[in-house]
Protein backbone atom coordinates (compact mmCIF):
# COMPACT_ATOMS: atom_id res chain seq x y z
CA MET A 1 1.70 -18.08 -5.25
CA ASP A 2 2.79 -17.02 -9.14
CA ARG A 3 1.57 -16.90 -12.67
CA ARG A 4 4.69 -19.56 -12.91
CA GLU A 5 3.28 -21.70 -9.82
CA LEU A 6 -0.32 -21.44 -11.30
CA PHE A 7 -0.21 -22.70 -14.39
CA THR A 8 1.92 -25.69 -13.19
CA LEU A 9 -0.88 -26.69 -10.19
CA LEU A 10 -3.55 -26.04 -13.21
CA ARG A 11 -2.21 -28.26 -15.43
CA GLY A 12 -1.49 -30.26 -12.43
CA SER A 13 -4.65 -30.54 -11.69
CA GLY A 14 -5.74 -31.67 -14.97
CA VAL A 15 -6.76 -28.49 -16.15
CA ALA A 16 -6.52 -28.05 -19.84
CA GLU A 17 -4.04 -24.99 -21.21
CA SER A 18 -6.48 -24.70 -23.95
CA GLU A 19 -9.01 -23.05 -21.27
CA LEU A 20 -6.53 -21.10 -19.87
CA TRP A 21 -4.58 -17.09 -21.51
CA ILE A 22 -2.03 -16.01 -18.00
CA GLU A 23 -0.07 -12.83 -19.53
CA GLY A 24 4.16 -13.78 -19.74
CA VAL A 25 3.44 -17.41 -18.99
CA HIS A 26 0.61 -18.93 -21.48
CA GLU A 27 -0.66 -17.01 -23.75
CA PRO A 28 -1.40 -19.52 -27.30
CA ARG A 29 -1.42 -17.79 -30.13
CA MET A 30 -4.74 -19.49 -31.29
CA PRO A 31 -6.40 -19.37 -28.19
CA PRO A 32 -10.29 -21.26 -28.27
CA THR A 33 -13.29 -19.93 -27.93
CA GLU A 34 -13.38 -19.54 -24.62
CA PHE A 35 -10.75 -19.99 -21.80
CA LEU A 36 -10.14 -18.15 -18.72
CA PHE A 37 -7.19 -15.94 -18.41
CA LEU A 38 -5.27 -13.18 -16.03
CA ARG A 39 -3.55 -9.95 -17.33
CA LYS A 40 -2.18 -7.06 -15.61
CA GLY A 41 -4.47 -3.96 -16.08
CA ALA A 42 -5.03 -0.52 -14.98
CA GLN A 43 -5.96 -0.84 -11.97
CA GLY A 44 -3.54 -4.77 -10.65
CA TRP A 45 -4.11 -7.37 -12.15
CA ASP A 46 -7.75 -8.38 -14.26
CA THR A 47 -9.09 -12.11 -14.25
CA GLY A 48 -11.91 -13.22 -16.07
CA VAL A 49 -13.56 -15.12 -19.26
CA ALA A 50 -13.41 -14.60 -22.45
CA GLU A 51 -15.72 -15.90 -25.54
CA ARG A 52 -16.06 -15.40 -28.58
CA GLY A 53 -13.13 -12.45 -28.31
CA GLU A 54 -15.00 -10.49 -25.75
CA TRP A 55 -13.00 -10.45 -22.57
CA HIS A 56 -14.56 -10.30 -19.72
CA VAL A 57 -13.18 -8.69 -16.16
CA ILE A 58 -14.91 -10.71 -13.31
CA ALA A 59 -12.55 -8.79 -10.51
CA THR A 60 -9.15 -7.25 -10.57
CA SER A 61 -7.02 -7.82 -7.51
CA PRO A 62 -4.01 -5.41 -6.21
CA ASP A 63 -1.44 -7.97 -6.36
CA GLU A 64 -0.50 -10.59 -8.45
CA ASP A 65 -0.98 -14.19 -5.61
CA THR A 66 -4.38 -12.43 -4.89
CA ALA A 67 -4.63 -12.54 -9.30
CA CYS A 68 -3.50 -15.62 -8.84
CA ALA A 69 -5.72 -17.40 -6.12
CA ARG A 70 -8.59 -15.77 -7.37
CA LEU A 71 -8.07 -17.87 -10.66
CA LEU A 72 -7.26 -21.04 -9.05
CA ARG A 73 -11.10 -20.39 -7.39
CA LEU A 74 -12.66 -19.87 -10.82
CA ALA A 75 -10.93 -22.80 -12.76
CA GLN A 76 -11.82 -25.20 -10.10
CA PRO A 77 -14.65 -27.14 -11.18
C-alpha cells in the first residue's frame, strides 16, 4: 500500500482528515494540536503522533508499505 491508498482507506473507515498528516498526500497548513503522521525520515519512513507542536516518532520503517501498515494500525480504534 502507498500513502495515497492509505489516506483513501483511512478516510473511508471514518478517520477525520484533521487527525492525519501524511507527507505528500495530506499536509494541512493549520494542523490540529494532535494528529497521527507519516513522513520520510533520515532512516526510512517515520510514523508517530504529534501533540502540541511536538512530533513523537513511534517507529521508523524501511519502506513506505510497512510504514503505511503501521499507521493504519495506529489509526484503528
